[in-house]
Amino acid sequence: MARGSRPPWGGVTERHIMNPTCLDRRQFLRTTTAAGGLAVLGAPLAAPARAPAEKPTKQTATDWLPLGDSGLKICRLGMGTGSRGGSVQRKLGKETFIKLLRYAYDQGVRYIDTADSYKIQPWIGAGIKGLPREKIYIQSKIWGAPDDPKAHLDRFRKELGVDYIDSVLVHCARKKDWLEGRKKVIDVLREAKAKKVIGAAGVSCHTLAALEQVADQDWVDVALVRINPQGVTMDTPGEKGGRSNASHVPAVVKQIKRMREKRIGIIGMKLIGNGTFTKADDREKAIRYTMQSGLLSAATIGFKSPAEIDEAMKRINAALAAAPAG
């Protein structure tokens, strides 16, 4: 099925897929039909007055944006749960983590990024219990090449307490031939999407060799890509990765642009250098670059306190407000 043509699944409304705040399709058709009837019945003798120009809509960290041609929308800012493999979030303890997740939700941060390897999905399930499912975007990932990927997906849904997961990715592709090594996982993701168990499939890459393969894959709806202008923890040549720097940024950006041309949804990660940007100036530079680059649909940042959420939202909002027009 072509991107953007998926119907709703398992309790997901069209409002969630296309715009959480807009009229549903039936309301829209009733409204536009009524308006069209009035125009015909009361056709004006003279040209109508021109409506005043609308003010540009203010962009914020909590906007819901189209995710490529996936047919889904995603909150611009996501709460990451995998800082240093998830250890940072796990050290908070279950109760504090759930409070943090709820704080993010109350601020409008409605995208939660997780993975099996972070060992935190059950806490997320407890944290979102009772919240409107259609107001949350959940992304998870399958590590390695398990013998039964379908069983993993079923367990993910049970741990998260949900009937469907918005997007599931092949996690941490490194080798140039990763497509062959993860074939079983890819096949299960295709099947799960067809059965509406997941909304979109994709991959997160950790080397340039792996990233270079993504744009040519018709099954990929979503790519999770490491990006910051300082080039810290970026994809580098070779299958083992290695220490990166600003010289590696152009090659990553080139691949992002290729993927965007194929209408793949791009989510940024490692915006603040995997938590290494302890200086405010570095965080400001990174967030301003990524938010004004026009490369991303969304971005995930690993948080460990409400203050970090507040700061990220403030910096993102300021960067968007200062972005050049057009």
C-alpha atoms as a PDB file:
ATOM      1  CA  MET A   1       0.000   0.000   0.000  1.00  0.00           C
ATOM      2  CA  ALA A   2       1.369   3.424  -0.926  1.00  0.00           C
ATOM      3  CA  ARG A   3       2.494   5.838   1.753  1.00  0.00           C
ATOM      4  CA  GLY A   4      -0.244   8.104   3.048  1.00  0.00           C
ATOM      5  CA  SER A   5      -3.085   5.749   2.017  1.00  0.00           C
ATOM      6  CA  ARG A   6      -3.532   3.794   5.254  1.00  0.00           C
ATOM      7  CA  PRO A   7      -6.966   3.820   6.902  1.00  0.00           C
ATOM      8  CA  PRO A   8      -7.412   4.123  10.677  1.00  0.00           C
ATOM      9  CA  TRP A   9      -6.707   1.015  12.740  1.00  0.00           C
ATOM     10  CA  GLY A  10      -7.561  -0.443  16.157  1.00  0.00           C
ATOM     11  CA  GLY A  11      -9.274   2.530  17.779  1.00  0.00           C
ATOM     12  CA  VAL A  12      -7.192   5.169  16.013  1.00  0.00           C
ATOM     13  CA  THR A  13      -9.324   7.939  14.613  1.00  0.00           C
ATOM     14  CA  GLU A  14      -8.634   9.873  11.425  1.00  0.00           C
ATOM     15  CA  ARG A  15      -8.276  12.889  13.682  1.00  0.00           C
ATOM     16  CA  HIS A  16      -5.188  11.311  15.279  1.00  0.00           C
ATOM     17  CA  ILE A  17      -3.641  10.370  11.960  1.00  0.00           C
ATOM     18  CA  MET A  18      -4.182  13.632  10.131  1.00  0.00           C
ATOM     19  CA  ASN A  19      -4.498  16.317  12.810  1.00  0.00           C
ATOM     20  CA  PRO A  20      -5.319  15.877  16.509  1.00  0.00           C
ATOM     21  CA  THR A  21      -7.005  19.266  16.718  1.00  0.00           C
ATOM     22  CA  CYS A  22      -8.898  19.520  13.425  1.00  0.00           C
ATOM     23  CA  LEU A  23     -12.513  18.763  12.492  1.00  0.00           C
ATOM     24  CA  ASP A  24     -13.170  15.183  11.513  1.00  0.00           C
ATOM     25  CA  ARG A  25     -13.895  14.524   7.828  1.00  0.00           C
ATOM     26  CA  ARG A  26     -17.675  14.303   8.188  1.00  0.00           C
ATOM     27  CA  GLN A  27     -17.808  17.623  10.025  1.00  0.00           C
ATOM     28  CA  PHE A  28     -15.601  19.153   7.352  1.00  0.00           C
ATOM     29  CA  LEU A  29     -17.793  17.907   4.499  1.00  0.00           C
ATOM     30  CA  ARG A  30     -20.959  19.120   6.214  1.00  0.00           C
ATOM     31  CA  THR A  31     -19.405  22.537   6.751  1.00  0.00           C
ATOM     32  CA  THR A  32     -18.023  22.954   3.244  1.00  0.00           C
ATOM     33  CA  THR A  33     -21.180  21.586   1.592  1.00  0.00           C
ATOM     34  CA  ALA A  34     -23.326  24.028   3.517  1.00  0.00           C
ATOM     35  CA  ALA A  35     -21.059  26.894   2.618  1.00  0.00           C
ATOM     36  CA  GLY A  36     -21.093  25.865  -1.049  1.00  0.00           C
ATOM     37  CA  GLY A  37     -24.914  25.721  -1.060  1.00  0.00           C
ATOM     38  CA  LEU A  38     -25.155  29.241   0.297  1.00  0.00           C
ATOM     39  CA  ALA A  39     -22.809  30.523  -2.368  1.00  0.00           C
ATOM     40  CA  VAL A  40     -24.981  29.026  -5.133  1.00  0.00           C
ATOM     41  CA  LEU A  41     -28.324  30.108  -3.702  1.00  0.00           C
ATOM     42  CA  GLY A  42     -27.191  33.615  -2.924  1.00  0.00           C
ATOM     43  CA  ALA A  43     -24.817  34.355  -5.762  1.00  0.00           C
ATOM     44  CA  PRO A  44     -23.512  37.927  -5.322  1.00  0.00           C
ATOM     45  CA  LEU A  45     -23.959  40.510  -8.055  1.00  0.00           C
ATOM     46  CA  ALA A  46     -20.559  42.010  -7.311  1.00  0.00           C
ATOM     47  CA  ALA A  47     -17.231  40.468  -6.420  1.00  0.00           C
ATOM     48  CA  PRO A  48     -17.011  39.752  -2.673  1.00  0.00           C
ATOM     49  CA  ALA A  49     -14.667  41.790  -0.520  1.00  0.00           C
ATOM     50  CA  ARG A  50     -11.235  40.288  -0.152  1.00  0.00           C
ATOM     51  CA  ALA A  51     -10.710  38.612   3.223  1.00  0.00           C
ATOM     52  CA  PRO A  52      -7.932  40.071   5.355  1.00  0.00           C
ATOM     53  CA  ALA A  53      -4.648  38.202   5.178  1.00  0.00           C
ATOM     54  CA  GLU A  54      -4.227  35.655   7.943  1.00  0.00           C
ATOM     55  CA  LYS A  55      -1.346  36.039  10.334  1.00  0.00           C
ATOM     56  CA  PRO A  56       1.281  33.296  10.088  1.00  0.00           C
ATOM     57  CA  THR A  57       0.642  30.522  12.586  1.00  0.00           C
ATOM     58  CA  LYS A  58       3.102  30.543  15.454  1.00  0.00           C
ATOM     59  CA  GLN A  59       5.210  27.386  15.488  1.00  0.00           C
ATOM     60  CA  THR A  60       5.959  25.637  18.773  1.00  0.00           C
ATOM     61  CA  ALA A  61       7.683  22.595  20.199  1.00  0.00           C
ATOM     62  CA  THR A  62       4.348  20.865  20.664  1.00  0.00           C
ATOM     63  CA  ASP A  63       2.966  21.202  17.125  1.00  0.00           C
ATOM     64  CA  TRP A  64       1.802  18.020  15.417  1.00  0.00           C
ATOM     65  CA  LEU A  65       3.445  17.697  11.997  1.00  0.00           C
ATOM     66  CA  PRO A  66       3.172  15.292   9.025  1.00  0.00           C
ATOM     67  CA  LEU A  67       5.697  12.462   9.217  1.00  0.00           C
ATOM     68  CA  GLY A  68       6.729  12.159   5.587  1.00  0.00           C
ATOM     69  CA  ASP A  69       4.199  10.211   3.540  1.00  0.00           C
ATOM     70  CA  SER A  70       3.408   7.820   6.390  1.00  0.00           C
ATOM     71  CA  GLY A  71      -0.100   9.233   6.786  1.00  0.00           C
ATOM     72  CA  LEU A  72       0.721   9.949  10.439  1.00  0.00           C
ATOM     73  CA  LYS A  73       1.325  13.117  12.384  1.00  0.00           C
ATOM     74  CA  ILE A  74       3.834  13.389  15.201  1.00  0.00           C
ATOM     75  CA  CYS A  75       4.512  15.900  17.968  1.00  0.00           C
ATOM     76  CA  ARG A  76       7.563  17.987  17.055  1.00  0.00           C
ATOM     77  CA  LEU A  77       9.320  17.342  20.392  1.00  0.00           C
ATOM     78  CA  GLY A  78       9.580  13.842  21.791  1.00  0.00           C
ATOM     79  CA  MET A  79      10.532  12.552  25.224  1.00  0.00           C
ATOM     80  CA  GLY A  80      13.454  10.212  24.736  1.00  0.00           C
ATOM     81  CA  THR A  81      13.862   7.326  27.166  1.00  0.00           C
ATOM     82  CA  GLY A  82      17.169   5.907  25.960  1.00  0.00           C
ATOM     83  CA  SER A  83      19.870   8.236  27.268  1.00  0.00           C
ATOM     84  CA  ARG A  84      22.998   6.092  27.585  1.00  0.00           C
ATOM     85  CA  GLY A  85      21.000   3.018  26.724  1.00  0.00           C
ATOM     86  CA  GLY A  86      18.138   4.072  28.993  1.00  0.00           C
ATOM     87  CA  SER A  87      20.260   3.978  32.147  1.00  0.00           C
ATOM     88  CA  VAL A  88      19.753   7.696  32.824  1.00  0.00           C
ATOM     89  CA  GLN A  89      15.972   7.321  32.841  1.00  0.00           C
ATOM     90  CA  ARG A  90      15.998   4.018  34.751  1.00  0.00           C
ATOM     91  CA  LYS A  91      18.113   5.574  37.515  1.00  0.00           C
ATOM     92  CA  LEU A  92      15.264   7.967  38.206  1.00  0.00           C
ATOM     93  CA  GLY A  93      13.200   5.082  39.532  1.00  0.00           C
ATOM     94  CA  LYS A  94       9.755   4.126  38.352  1.00  0.00           C
ATOM     95  CA  GLU A  95       7.780   6.686  40.374  1.00  0.00           C
ATOM     96  CA  THR A  96       9.969   9.659  39.422  1.00  0.00           C
ATOM     97  CA  PHE A  97      10.092   8.565  35.790  1.00  0.00           C
ATOM     98  CA  ILE A  98       6.298   8.359  35.591  1.00  0.00           C
ATOM     99  CA  LYS A  99       5.993  11.825  37.137  1.00  0.00           C
ATOM    100  CA  LEU A 100       8.418  13.134  34.521  1.00  0.00           C
ATOM    101  CA  LEU A 101       6.485  11.491  31.701  1.00  0.00           C
ATOM    102  CA  ARG A 102       3.244  12.985  32.997  1.00  0.00           C
ATOM    103  CA  TYR A 103       4.887  16.391  33.309  1.00  0.00           C
ATOM    104  CA  ALA A 104       5.990  16.198  29.670  1.00  0.00           C
ATOM    105  CA  TYR A 105       2.462  15.205  28.643  1.00  0.00           C
ATOM    106  CA  ASP A 106       0.954  18.123  30.574  1.00  0.00           C
ATOM    107  CA  GLN A 107       3.315  20.512  28.752  1.00  0.00           C
ATOM    108  CA  GLY A 108       2.114  19.148  25.407  1.00  0.00           C
ATOM    109  CA  VAL A 109       5.041  16.814  24.662  1.00  0.00           C
ATOM    110  CA  ARG A 110       3.058  13.888  23.267  1.00  0.00           C
ATOM    111  CA  TYR A 111       5.692  11.850  21.409  1.00  0.00           C
ATOM    112  CA  ILE A 112       7.419   9.137  23.454  1.00  0.00           C
ATOM    113  CA  ASP A 113      10.500   7.477  21.975  1.00  0.00           C
ATOM    114  CA  THR A 114      11.511   4.122  23.408  1.00  0.00           C
ATOM    115  CA  ALA A 115      13.014   0.737  22.522  1.00  0.00           C
ATOM    116  CA  ASP A 116      13.138  -2.786  23.859  1.00  0.00           C
ATOM    117  CA  SER A 117      16.803  -2.430  24.762  1.00  0.00           C
ATOM    118  CA  TYR A 118      16.072   0.558  27.031  1.00  0.00           C
ATOM    119  CA  LYS A 119      14.199  -1.807  29.399  1.00  0.00           C
ATOM    120  CA  ILE A 120      11.664   0.863  30.297  1.00  0.00           C
ATOM    121  CA  GLN A 121       8.555   0.065  28.264  1.00  0.00           C
ATOM    122  CA  PRO A 122       6.563  -1.272  31.256  1.00  0.00           C
ATOM    123  CA  TRP A 123       7.153   2.040  33.070  1.00  0.00           C
ATOM    124  CA  ILE A 124       5.875   3.912  30.024  1.00  0.00           C
ATOM    125  CA  GLY A 125       2.799   1.694  30.008  1.00  0.00           C
ATOM    126  CA  ALA A 126       2.141   2.571  33.633  1.00  0.00           C
ATOM    127  CA  GLY A 127       2.768   6.255  32.927  1.00  0.00           C
ATOM    128  CA  ILE A 128       0.310   6.586  30.059  1.00  0.00           C
ATOM    129  CA  LYS A 129      -2.412   4.460  31.631  1.00  0.00           C
ATOM    130  CA  GLY A 130      -5.664   6.393  31.579  1.00  0.00           C
ATOM    131  CA  LEU A 131      -4.434   8.985  29.072  1.00  0.00           C
ATOM    132  CA  PRO A 132      -6.201   9.341  25.690  1.00  0.00           C
ATOM    133  CA  ARG A 133      -4.334   6.972  23.386  1.00  0.00           C
ATOM    134  CA  GLU A 134      -5.051   9.083  20.297  1.00  0.00           C
ATOM    135  CA  LYS A 135      -3.200  12.025  21.859  1.00  0.00           C
ATOM    136  CA  ILE A 136       0.092  10.158  22.212  1.00  0.00           C
ATOM    137  CA  TYR A 137       2.613   9.087  19.558  1.00  0.00           C
ATOM    138  CA  ILE A 138       4.691   6.068  20.607  1.00  0.00           C
ATOM    139  CA  GLN A 139       7.762   4.847  18.777  1.00  0.00           C
ATOM    140  CA  SER A 140       9.662   1.685  19.703  1.00  0.00           C
ATOM    141  CA  LYS A 141      12.487  -0.353  18.177  1.00  0.00           C
ATOM    142  CA  ILE A 142      13.555  -3.972  17.752  1.00  0.00           C
ATOM    143  CA  TRP A 143      17.198  -4.701  18.502  1.00  0.00           C
ATOM    144  CA  GLY A 144      19.224  -7.215  16.527  1.00  0.00           C
ATOM    145  CA  ALA A 145      17.752 -10.151  14.653  1.00  0.00           C
ATOM    146  CA  PRO A 146      15.512 -12.112  17.037  1.00  0.00           C
ATOM    147  CA  ASP A 147      14.153 -15.480  15.955  1.00  0.00           C
ATOM    148  CA  ASP A 148      10.547 -14.381  16.479  1.00  0.00           C
ATOM    149  CA  PRO A 149      10.149 -10.619  15.901  1.00  0.00           C
ATOM    150  CA  LYS A 150       6.357 -10.950  15.975  1.00  0.00           C
ATOM    151  CA  ALA A 151       6.508 -12.206  19.563  1.00  0.00           C
ATOM    152  CA  HIS A 152       8.577  -9.144  20.413  1.00  0.00           C
ATOM    153  CA  LEU A 153       5.944  -6.824  18.933  1.00  0.00           C
ATOM    154  CA  ASP A 154       3.210  -8.573  20.887  1.00  0.00           C
ATOM    155  CA  ARG A 155       5.239  -8.192  24.074  1.00  0.00           C
ATOM    156  CA  PHE A 156       5.887  -4.498  23.314  1.00  0.00           C
ATOM    157  CA  ARG A 157       2.170  -3.827  23.077  1.00  0.00           C
ATOM    158  CA  LYS A 158       1.529  -5.691  26.308  1.00  0.00           C
ATOM    159  CA  GLU A 159       4.286  -3.818  28.151  1.00  0.00           C
ATOM    160  CA  LEU A 160       3.070  -0.466  26.829  1.00  0.00           C
ATOM    161  CA  GLY A 161      -0.574  -1.345  27.469  1.00  0.00           C
ATOM    162  CA  VAL A 162      -1.653  -0.425  23.928  1.00  0.00           C
ATOM    163  CA  ASP A 163      -3.359  -2.125  21.005  1.00  0.00           C
ATOM    164  CA  TYR A 164      -1.064  -0.559  18.402  1.00  0.00           C
ATOM    165  CA  ILE A 165       2.285   1.229  18.230  1.00  0.00           C
ATOM    166  CA  ASP A 166       2.555   4.268  15.990  1.00  0.00           C
ATOM    167  CA  SER A 167       5.957   3.357  14.572  1.00  0.00           C
ATOM    168  CA  VAL A 168       8.466   0.562  15.118  1.00  0.00           C
ATOM    169  CA  LEU A 169      12.021   0.674  13.823  1.00  0.00           C
ATOM    170  CA  VAL A 170      14.887  -1.645  13.081  1.00  0.00           C
ATOM    171  CA  HIS A 171      17.196  -0.549  15.896  1.00  0.00           C
ATOM    172  CA  CYS A 172      20.796   0.576  15.448  1.00  0.00           C
ATOM    173  CA  ALA A 173      21.700  -0.496  11.918  1.00  0.00           C
ATOM    174  CA  ARG A 174      25.473  -0.379  11.498  1.00  0.00           C
ATOM    175  CA  LYS A 175      26.649  -2.767   8.786  1.00  0.00           C
ATOM    176  CA  LYS A 176      26.498  -1.930   5.117  1.00  0.00           C
ATOM    177  CA  ASP A 177      24.552  -5.160   4.557  1.00  0.00           C
ATOM    178  CA  TRP A 178      22.180  -4.594   7.496  1.00  0.00           C
ATOM    179  CA  LEU A 179      19.186  -5.143   5.224  1.00  0.00           C
ATOM    180  CA  GLU A 180      20.081  -8.798   4.764  1.00  0.00           C
ATOM    181  CA  GLY A 181      20.814  -9.343   8.443  1.00  0.00           C
ATOM    182  CA  ARG A 182      17.515  -7.794   9.536  1.00  0.00           C
ATOM    183  CA  LYS A 183      15.339  -9.324   6.804  1.00  0.00           C
ATOM    184  CA  LYS A 184      13.165 -11.281   9.210  1.00  0.00           C
ATOM    185  CA  VAL A 185      12.487  -8.173  11.294  1.00  0.00           C
ATOM    186  CA  ILE A 186      11.690  -6.134   8.183  1.00  0.00           C
ATOM    187  CA  ASP A 187       9.252  -8.775   6.943  1.00  0.00           C
ATOM    188  CA  VAL A 188       7.447  -8.787  10.301  1.00  0.00           C
ATOM    189  CA  LEU A 189       7.236  -4.987  10.306  1.00  0.00           C
ATOM    190  CA  ARG A 190       5.722  -5.052   6.814  1.00  0.00           C
ATOM    191  CA  GLU A 191       3.152  -7.610   7.952  1.00  0.00           C
ATOM    192  CA  ALA A 192       2.387  -5.719  11.163  1.00  0.00           C
ATOM    193  CA  LYS A 193       1.781  -2.529   9.212  1.00  0.00           C
ATOM    194  CA  ALA A 194      -0.532  -4.333   6.809  1.00  0.00           C
ATOM    195  CA  LYS A 195      -2.493  -5.681   9.783  1.00  0.00           C
ATOM    196  CA  LYS A 196      -2.610  -2.219  11.433  1.00  0.00           C
ATOM    197  CA  VAL A 197      -0.654  -3.433  14.463  1.00  0.00           C
ATOM    198  CA  ILE A 198       1.826  -0.638  13.771  1.00  0.00           C
ATOM    199  CA  GLY A 199       1.284   2.551  11.817  1.00  0.00           C
ATOM    200  CA  ALA A 200       4.720   2.926  10.242  1.00  0.00           C
ATOM    201  CA  ALA A 201       8.007   1.062   9.885  1.00  0.00           C
ATOM    202  CA  GLY A 202      11.535   2.343   9.695  1.00  0.00           C
ATOM    203  CA  VAL A 203      15.101   2.256  10.937  1.00  0.00           C
ATOM    204  CA  SER A 204      17.577   4.034  13.206  1.00  0.00           C
ATOM    205  CA  CYS A 205      21.137   4.114  11.858  1.00  0.00           C
ATOM    206  CA  HIS A 206      24.481   4.432  13.630  1.00  0.00           C
ATOM    207  CA  THR A 207      26.932   4.554  10.732  1.00  0.00           C
ATOM    208  CA  LEU A 208      27.025   6.374   7.434  1.00  0.00           C
ATOM    209  CA  ALA A 209      27.345   3.036   5.630  1.00  0.00           C
ATOM    210  CA  ALA A 210      23.960   1.978   7.013  1.00  0.00           C
ATOM    211  CA  LEU A 211      22.362   5.385   6.523  1.00  0.00           C
ATOM    212  CA  GLU A 212      23.278   5.447   2.840  1.00  0.00           C
ATOM    213  CA  GLN A 213      20.986   2.457   2.205  1.00  0.00           C
ATOM    214  CA  VAL A 214      17.800   3.977   3.641  1.00  0.00           C
ATOM    215  CA  ALA A 215      16.570   6.278   0.876  1.00  0.00           C
ATOM    216  CA  ASP A 216      16.337   3.371  -1.577  1.00  0.00           C
ATOM    217  CA  GLN A 217      14.018   1.245   0.615  1.00  0.00           C
ATOM    218  CA  ASP A 218      10.336   1.471  -0.285  1.00  0.00           C
ATOM    219  CA  TRP A 219       9.265  -0.087   3.050  1.00  0.00           C
ATOM    220  CA  VAL A 220      10.873   2.656   5.158  1.00  0.00           C
ATOM    221  CA  ASP A 221       8.362   5.250   6.394  1.00  0.00           C
ATOM    222  CA  VAL A 222      10.493   6.702   9.192  1.00  0.00           C
ATOM    223  CA  ALA A 223      14.225   7.276   9.697  1.00  0.00           C
ATOM    224  CA  LEU A 224      15.695   8.171  13.087  1.00  0.00           C
ATOM    225  CA  VAL A 225      18.901  10.069  12.369  1.00  0.00           C
ATOM    226  CA  ARG A 226      21.653  11.486  14.592  1.00  0.00           C
ATOM    227  CA  ILE A 227      22.051  15.204  13.909  1.00  0.00           C
ATOM    228  CA  ASN A 228      23.656  18.253  15.525  1.00  0.00           C
ATOM    229  CA  PRO A 229      25.875  20.963  14.026  1.00  0.00           C
ATOM    230  CA  GLN A 230      28.849  20.134  16.242  1.00  0.00           C
ATOM    231  CA  GLY A 231      28.980  16.648  14.755  1.00  0.00           C
ATOM    232  CA  VAL A 232      29.051  14.903  18.136  1.00  0.00           C
ATOM    233  CA  THR A 233      27.891  11.253  18.125  1.00  0.00           C
ATOM    234  CA  MET A 234      27.146  11.427  14.402  1.00  0.00           C
ATOM    235  CA  ASP A 235      27.195   8.742  11.730  1.00  0.00           C
ATOM    236  CA  THR A 236      30.683   8.209  10.352  1.00  0.00           C
ATOM    237  CA  PRO A 237      32.158   6.031   7.564  1.00  0.00           C
ATOM    238  CA  GLY A 238      32.889   2.414   8.438  1.00  0.00           C
ATOM    239  CA  GLU A 239      30.755  -0.223  10.117  1.00  0.00           C
ATOM    240  CA  LYS A 240      32.087   0.377  13.622  1.00  0.00           C
ATOM    241  CA  GLY A 241      31.310   4.072  13.662  1.00  0.00           C
ATOM    242  CA  GLY A 242      33.954   5.985  15.554  1.00  0.00           C
ATOM    243  CA  ARG A 243      34.488   9.427  17.022  1.00  0.00           C
ATOM    244  CA  SER A 244      32.771  12.060  14.914  1.00  0.00           C
ATOM    245  CA  ASN A 245      33.147  15.800  14.453  1.00  0.00           C
ATOM    246  CA  ALA A 246      31.647  18.670  12.464  1.00  0.00           C
ATOM    247  CA  SER A 247      33.295  17.423   9.268  1.00  0.00           C
ATOM    248  CA  HIS A 248      30.879  14.466   9.262  1.00  0.00           C
ATOM    249  CA  VAL A 249      27.719  16.599   9.292  1.00  0.00           C
ATOM    250  CA  PRO A 250      27.485  17.323   5.509  1.00  0.00           C
ATOM    251  CA  ALA A 251      27.450  13.620   4.593  1.00  0.00           C
ATOM    252  CA  VAL A 252      24.587  12.975   7.038  1.00  0.00           C
ATOM    253  CA  VAL A 253      22.645  15.997   5.794  1.00  0.00           C
ATOM    254  CA  LYS A 254      23.086  14.753   2.214  1.00  0.00           C
ATOM    255  CA  GLN A 255      21.411  11.453   3.151  1.00  0.00           C
ATOM    256  CA  ILE A 256      18.609  13.220   5.028  1.00  0.00           C
ATOM    257  CA  LYS A 257      17.865  15.255   1.923  1.00  0.00           C
ATOM    258  CA  ARG A 258      17.799  12.096  -0.191  1.00  0.00           C
ATOM    259  CA  MET A 259      15.328  10.541   2.219  1.00  0.00           C
ATOM    260  CA  ARG A 260      13.163  13.643   2.249  1.00  0.00           C
ATOM    261  CA  GLU A 261      13.002  13.509  -1.544  1.00  0.00           C
ATOM    262  CA  LYS A 262      11.518  10.018  -1.131  1.00  0.00           C
ATOM    263  CA  ARG A 263       9.004  11.416   1.382  1.00  0.00           C
ATOM    264  CA  ILE A 264      10.453   9.468   4.303  1.00  0.00           C
ATOM    265  CA  GLY A 265       9.672  11.034   7.681  1.00  0.00           C
ATOM    266  CA  ILE A 266      12.829  12.221   9.450  1.00  0.00           C
ATOM    267  CA  ILE A 267      13.160  12.260  13.243  1.00  0.00           C
ATOM    268  CA  GLY A 268      16.307  13.740  14.745  1.00  0.00           C
ATOM    269  CA  MET A 269      18.141  12.253  17.711  1.00  0.00           C
ATOM    270  CA  LYS A 270      21.311  13.105  19.640  1.00  0.00           C
ATOM    271  CA  LEU A 271      20.461  16.798  19.237  1.00  0.00           C
ATOM    272  CA  ILE A 272      22.409  17.642  22.365  1.00  0.00           C
ATOM    273  CA  GLY A 273      25.242  15.205  21.727  1.00  0.00           C
ATOM    274  CA  ASN A 274      23.788  12.315  23.729  1.00  0.00           C
ATOM    275  CA  GLY A 275      23.693  14.574  26.777  1.00  0.00           C
ATOM    276  CA  THR A 276      27.282  15.758  26.427  1.00  0.00           C
ATOM    277  CA  PHE A 277      26.361  19.371  25.673  1.00  0.00           C
ATOM    278  CA  THR A 278      26.582  20.566  29.255  1.00  0.00           C
ATOM    279  CA  LYS A 279      27.188  24.178  28.186  1.00  0.00           C
ATOM    280  CA  ALA A 280      24.068  26.214  27.467  1.00  0.00           C
ATOM    281  CA  ASP A 281      25.679  27.754  24.379  1.00  0.00           C
ATOM    282  CA  ASP A 282      26.178  24.299  22.833  1.00  0.00           C
ATOM    283  CA  ARG A 283      22.560  23.336  23.485  1.00  0.00           C
ATOM    284  CA  GLU A 284      21.355  26.622  22.037  1.00  0.00           C
ATOM    285  CA  LYS A 285      23.497  26.217  18.910  1.00  0.00           C
ATOM    286  CA  ALA A 286      22.337  22.639  18.365  1.00  0.00           C
ATOM    287  CA  ILE A 287      18.639  23.282  18.861  1.00  0.00           C
ATOM    288  CA  ARG A 288      18.649  26.437  16.757  1.00  0.00           C
ATOM    289  CA  TYR A 289      20.401  24.613  13.900  1.00  0.00           C
ATOM    290  CA  THR A 290      18.139  21.567  13.909  1.00  0.00           C
ATOM    291  CA  MET A 291      14.892  23.498  14.304  1.00  0.00           C
ATOM    292  CA  GLN A 292      15.748  25.968  11.535  1.00  0.00           C
ATOM    293  CA  SER A 293      17.295  23.436   9.138  1.00  0.00           C
ATOM    294  CA  GLY A 294      14.021  22.294   7.591  1.00  0.00           C
ATOM    295  CA  LEU A 295      15.350  18.731   7.746  1.00  0.00           C
ATOM    296  CA  LEU A 296      13.201  17.220  10.507  1.00  0.00           C
ATOM    297  CA  SER A 297       9.577  16.370  11.146  1.00  0.00           C
ATOM    298  CA  ALA A 298      10.304  15.806  14.839  1.00  0.00           C
ATOM    299  CA  ALA A 299      13.123  15.330  17.314  1.00  0.00           C
ATOM    300  CA  THR A 300      13.617  13.265  20.450  1.00  0.00           C
ATOM    301  CA  ILE A 301      15.624  14.428  23.457  1.00  0.00           C
ATOM    302  CA  GLY A 302      16.369  12.318  26.524  1.00  0.00           C
ATOM    303  CA  PHE A 303      15.182  14.117  29.651  1.00  0.00           C
ATOM    304  CA  LYS A 304      15.809  13.460  33.322  1.00  0.00           C
ATOM    305  CA  SER A 305      14.093  16.465  34.916  1.00  0.00           C
ATOM    306  CA  PRO A 306      11.199  18.913  34.353  1.00  0.00           C
ATOM    307  CA  ALA A 307      13.748  21.729  34.100  1.00  0.00           C
ATOM    308  CA  GLU A 308      15.344  20.060  31.068  1.00  0.00           C
ATOM    309  CA  ILE A 309      11.950  19.761  29.390  1.00  0.00           C
ATOM    310  CA  ASP A 310      11.203  23.418  30.091  1.00  0.00           C
ATOM    311  CA  GLU A 311      14.562  24.527  28.712  1.00  0.00           C
ATOM    312  CA  ALA A 312      14.261  22.465  25.537  1.00  0.00           C
ATOM    313  CA  MET A 313      10.762  23.775  24.842  1.00  0.00           C
ATOM    314  CA  LYS A 314      11.862  27.358  25.443  1.00  0.00           C
ATOM    315  CA  ARG A 315      14.859  27.028  23.120  1.00  0.00           C
ATOM    316  CA  ILE A 316      12.841  25.268  20.410  1.00  0.00           C
ATOM    317  CA  ASN A 317      10.078  27.880  20.538  1.00  0.00           C
ATOM    318  CA  ALA A 318      12.630  30.687  20.309  1.00  0.00           C
ATOM    319  CA  ALA A 319      14.440  29.021  17.405  1.00  0.00           C
ATOM    320  CA  LEU A 320      11.193  28.536  15.494  1.00  0.00           C
ATOM    321  CA  ALA A 321      10.140  32.133  16.128  1.00  0.00           C
ATOM    322  CA  ALA A 322      13.482  33.372  14.797  1.00  0.00           C
ATOM    323  CA  ALA A 323      13.471  31.123  11.730  1.00  0.00           C
ATOM    324  CA  PRO A 324      13.641  33.015   8.405  1.00  0.00           C
ATOM    325  CA  ALA A 325      10.284  33.388   6.679  1.00  0.00           C
ATOM    326  CA  GLY A 326       9.533  30.780   4.023  1.00  0.00           C
END
